[in-house]
Every structure is written in C-alpha cells, then in structure tokens.
Amino acid sequence: MSELRKLTDVEIESRLAGLTGWAIVDGKLHRDFQFKDFVSAFAFMTGVALIAESKNHHPEWFNVYNKVVIDLTTHDAQGITSLDFELAAAANALAR
C-alpha cells in the first residue's frame, strides 16, 4: 500500500502535471468526467469502486445522469497522498 504521508504542495504540483484533467479544488484532487449516457457513467463508477475497495481508499463523488464528479483526499493524513494520485490515475485509465 502507498504511504499515507500528506504530500507537500511541491510534490502535489509535480504529480498533477502528469495527470490529465485533474486540479486541486478546496484542498482535494478534483475532476469532472462526462460520458455518453447514464449506463456508461455507472459502469465507470463501478470500475472505480472496485479499485477503490481493493485499495481501501474511497472517493467522494457525485453522479447525475452522464456526469461523475470525483474529489480525492486521504482523511487519515489530512490531505492529499500518493494513494489519491493512484486512484486518480486508475480513474483516468477507466475513463478512456
């Protein structure tokens, strides 16, 4: 499992540069995804849920029809950790 150390601002900015579509919003790693329809959005969420469960790291998210909004932070570390970036990268891969 990845370390649960809160990343520094410099570390976050460095990792963010290699992560398409994500930004820092209100201290969390944030991205909006849009799919062709509800079934596609729900399939994406199911895939992310299975990965999140395997990592014991669960997203804050919101879904309406074809839109999925994800916010990631590690509550135990009180900030963004490597685990958040791992889940964000996995979400990007599933969204392709």
C-alpha atoms as a PDB file:
ATOM      1  CA  MET A   1       0.000   0.000   0.000  1.00  0.00           C
ATOM      2  CA  SER A   2       1.178   3.531  -0.673  1.00  0.00           C
ATOM      3  CA  GLU A   3       2.381   5.705   2.126  1.00  0.00           C
ATOM      4  CA  LEU A   4      -0.215   7.777   3.870  1.00  0.00           C
ATOM      5  CA  ARG A   5       2.033  10.801   4.279  1.00  0.00           C
ATOM      6  CA  LYS A   6       0.450  14.076   3.238  1.00  0.00           C
ATOM      7  CA  LEU A   7       2.257  15.324   0.145  1.00  0.00           C
ATOM      8  CA  THR A   8       3.814  18.784   0.065  1.00  0.00           C
ATOM      9  CA  ASP A   9       2.495  21.448  -2.298  1.00  0.00           C
ATOM     10  CA  VAL A  10       5.570  20.974  -4.492  1.00  0.00           C
ATOM     11  CA  GLU A  11       5.026  17.201  -4.653  1.00  0.00           C
ATOM     12  CA  ILE A  12       1.356  17.703  -5.491  1.00  0.00           C
ATOM     13  CA  GLU A  13       2.094  20.167  -8.288  1.00  0.00           C
ATOM     14  CA  SER A  14       4.752  17.863  -9.718  1.00  0.00           C
ATOM     15  CA  ARG A  15       2.403  14.858  -9.777  1.00  0.00           C
ATOM     16  CA  LEU A  16      -0.512  16.926 -11.015  1.00  0.00           C
ATOM     17  CA  ALA A  17       1.480  17.908 -14.111  1.00  0.00           C
ATOM     18  CA  GLY A  18       1.356  14.290 -15.277  1.00  0.00           C
ATOM     19  CA  LEU A  19      -2.327  13.688 -14.514  1.00  0.00           C
ATOM     20  CA  THR A  20      -4.658  14.819 -17.286  1.00  0.00           C
ATOM     21  CA  GLY A  21      -7.852  16.599 -16.298  1.00  0.00           C
ATOM     22  CA  TRP A  22      -7.290  16.838 -12.556  1.00  0.00           C
ATOM     23  CA  ALA A  23      -6.900  20.002 -10.459  1.00  0.00           C
ATOM     24  CA  ILE A  24      -6.753  20.981  -6.818  1.00  0.00           C
ATOM     25  CA  VAL A  25     -10.111  22.343  -5.652  1.00  0.00           C
ATOM     26  CA  ASP A  26     -10.752  23.133  -1.991  1.00  0.00           C
ATOM     27  CA  GLY A  27      -7.678  21.141  -0.953  1.00  0.00           C
ATOM     28  CA  LYS A  28      -8.758  17.997  -2.804  1.00  0.00           C
ATOM     29  CA  LEU A  29      -7.751  16.321  -6.038  1.00  0.00           C
ATOM     30  CA  HIS A  30     -10.754  17.032  -8.292  1.00  0.00           C
ATOM     31  CA  ARG A  31     -12.053  16.041 -11.723  1.00  0.00           C
ATOM     32  CA  ASP A  32     -15.339  16.112 -13.618  1.00  0.00           C
ATOM     33  CA  PHE A  33     -15.957  13.233 -16.026  1.00  0.00           C
ATOM     34  CA  GLN A  34     -18.658  13.172 -18.689  1.00  0.00           C
ATOM     35  CA  PHE A  35     -19.885  10.070 -20.504  1.00  0.00           C
ATOM     36  CA  LYS A  36     -22.296   9.407 -23.362  1.00  0.00           C
ATOM     37  CA  ASP A  37     -25.093   8.265 -21.027  1.00  0.00           C
ATOM     38  CA  PHE A  38     -26.011   7.096 -17.541  1.00  0.00           C
ATOM     39  CA  VAL A  39     -25.078   3.459 -18.158  1.00  0.00           C
ATOM     40  CA  SER A  40     -21.562   4.467 -19.225  1.00  0.00           C
ATOM     41  CA  ALA A  41     -21.181   6.735 -16.186  1.00  0.00           C
ATOM     42  CA  PHE A  42     -22.434   3.995 -13.878  1.00  0.00           C
ATOM     43  CA  ALA A  43     -20.087   1.416 -15.440  1.00  0.00           C
ATOM     44  CA  PHE A  44     -17.194   3.814 -14.843  1.00  0.00           C
ATOM     45  CA  MET A  45     -18.236   4.304 -11.214  1.00  0.00           C
ATOM     46  CA  THR A  46     -18.471   0.535 -10.742  1.00  0.00           C
ATOM     47  CA  GLY A  47     -14.923   0.109 -12.052  1.00  0.00           C
ATOM     48  CA  VAL A  48     -13.602   2.875  -9.808  1.00  0.00           C
ATOM     49  CA  ALA A  49     -15.485   1.397  -6.845  1.00  0.00           C
ATOM     50  CA  LEU A  50     -13.821  -1.996  -7.300  1.00  0.00           C
ATOM     51  CA  ILE A  51     -10.358  -0.420  -7.466  1.00  0.00           C
ATOM     52  CA  ALA A  52     -11.120   1.849  -4.503  1.00  0.00           C
ATOM     53  CA  GLU A  53     -12.288  -1.097  -2.418  1.00  0.00           C
ATOM     54  CA  SER A  54      -9.152  -3.082  -3.248  1.00  0.00           C
ATOM     55  CA  LYS A  55      -7.063  -0.142  -2.014  1.00  0.00           C
ATOM     56  CA  ASN A  56      -9.360   0.548   0.953  1.00  0.00           C
ATOM     57  CA  HIS A  57      -9.453   4.141  -0.283  1.00  0.00           C
ATOM     58  CA  HIS A  58     -12.834   5.522  -1.226  1.00  0.00           C
ATOM     59  CA  PRO A  59     -13.632   8.639  -3.243  1.00  0.00           C
ATOM     60  CA  GLU A  60     -16.015  11.439  -2.511  1.00  0.00           C
ATOM     61  CA  TRP A  61     -18.153  11.527  -5.623  1.00  0.00           C
ATOM     62  CA  PHE A  62     -21.352  12.738  -7.166  1.00  0.00           C
ATOM     63  CA  ASN A  63     -23.289  11.463 -10.171  1.00  0.00           C
ATOM     64  CA  VAL A  64     -26.122  12.904 -12.228  1.00  0.00           C
ATOM     65  CA  TYR A  65     -27.038  11.132 -15.472  1.00  0.00           C
ATOM     66  CA  ASN A  66     -23.811  11.119 -17.548  1.00  0.00           C
ATOM     67  CA  LYS A  67     -21.640  13.247 -15.233  1.00  0.00           C
ATOM     68  CA  VAL A  68     -19.393  11.942 -12.448  1.00  0.00           C
ATOM     69  CA  VAL A  69     -17.529  14.346 -10.160  1.00  0.00           C
ATOM     70  CA  ILE A  70     -14.702  12.923  -8.044  1.00  0.00           C
ATOM     71  CA  ASP A  71     -12.836  14.526  -5.143  1.00  0.00           C
ATOM     72  CA  LEU A  72      -9.920  12.686  -3.556  1.00  0.00           C
ATOM     73  CA  THR A  73      -8.183  13.256  -0.255  1.00  0.00           C
ATOM     74  CA  THR A  74      -6.826  10.958   2.429  1.00  0.00           C
ATOM     75  CA  HIS A  75      -8.670  11.777   5.628  1.00  0.00           C
ATOM     76  CA  ASP A  76      -6.215   9.874   7.861  1.00  0.00           C
ATOM     77  CA  ALA A  77      -3.354  12.033   6.535  1.00  0.00           C
ATOM     78  CA  GLN A  78      -5.478  15.202   6.494  1.00  0.00           C
ATOM     79  CA  GLY A  79      -4.570  15.937   2.886  1.00  0.00           C
ATOM     80  CA  ILE A  80      -3.581  14.539  -0.474  1.00  0.00           C
ATOM     81  CA  THR A  81      -1.338  11.453  -0.538  1.00  0.00           C
ATOM     82  CA  SER A  82       0.142   9.109  -3.131  1.00  0.00           C
ATOM     83  CA  LEU A  83      -2.958   6.950  -2.740  1.00  0.00           C
ATOM     84  CA  ASP A  84      -5.121   9.765  -4.099  1.00  0.00           C
ATOM     85  CA  PHE A  85      -2.929  10.046  -7.174  1.00  0.00           C
ATOM     86  CA  GLU A  86      -3.045   6.269  -7.687  1.00  0.00           C
ATOM     87  CA  LEU A  87      -6.841   6.288  -7.635  1.00  0.00           C
ATOM     88  CA  ALA A  88      -6.968   9.339  -9.927  1.00  0.00           C
ATOM     89  CA  ALA A  89      -4.692   7.615 -12.454  1.00  0.00           C
ATOM     90  CA  ALA A  90      -6.840   4.478 -12.300  1.00  0.00           C
ATOM     91  CA  ALA A  91      -9.978   6.572 -12.882  1.00  0.00           C
ATOM     92  CA  ASN A  92      -8.347   8.194 -15.909  1.00  0.00           C
ATOM     93  CA  ALA A  93      -7.445   4.780 -17.312  1.00  0.00           C
ATOM     94  CA  LEU A  94     -11.020   3.528 -16.861  1.00  0.00           C
ATOM     95  CA  ALA A  95     -12.475   6.649 -18.479  1.00  0.00           C
ATOM     96  CA  ARG A  96     -10.520   6.113 -21.725  1.00  0.00           C
END
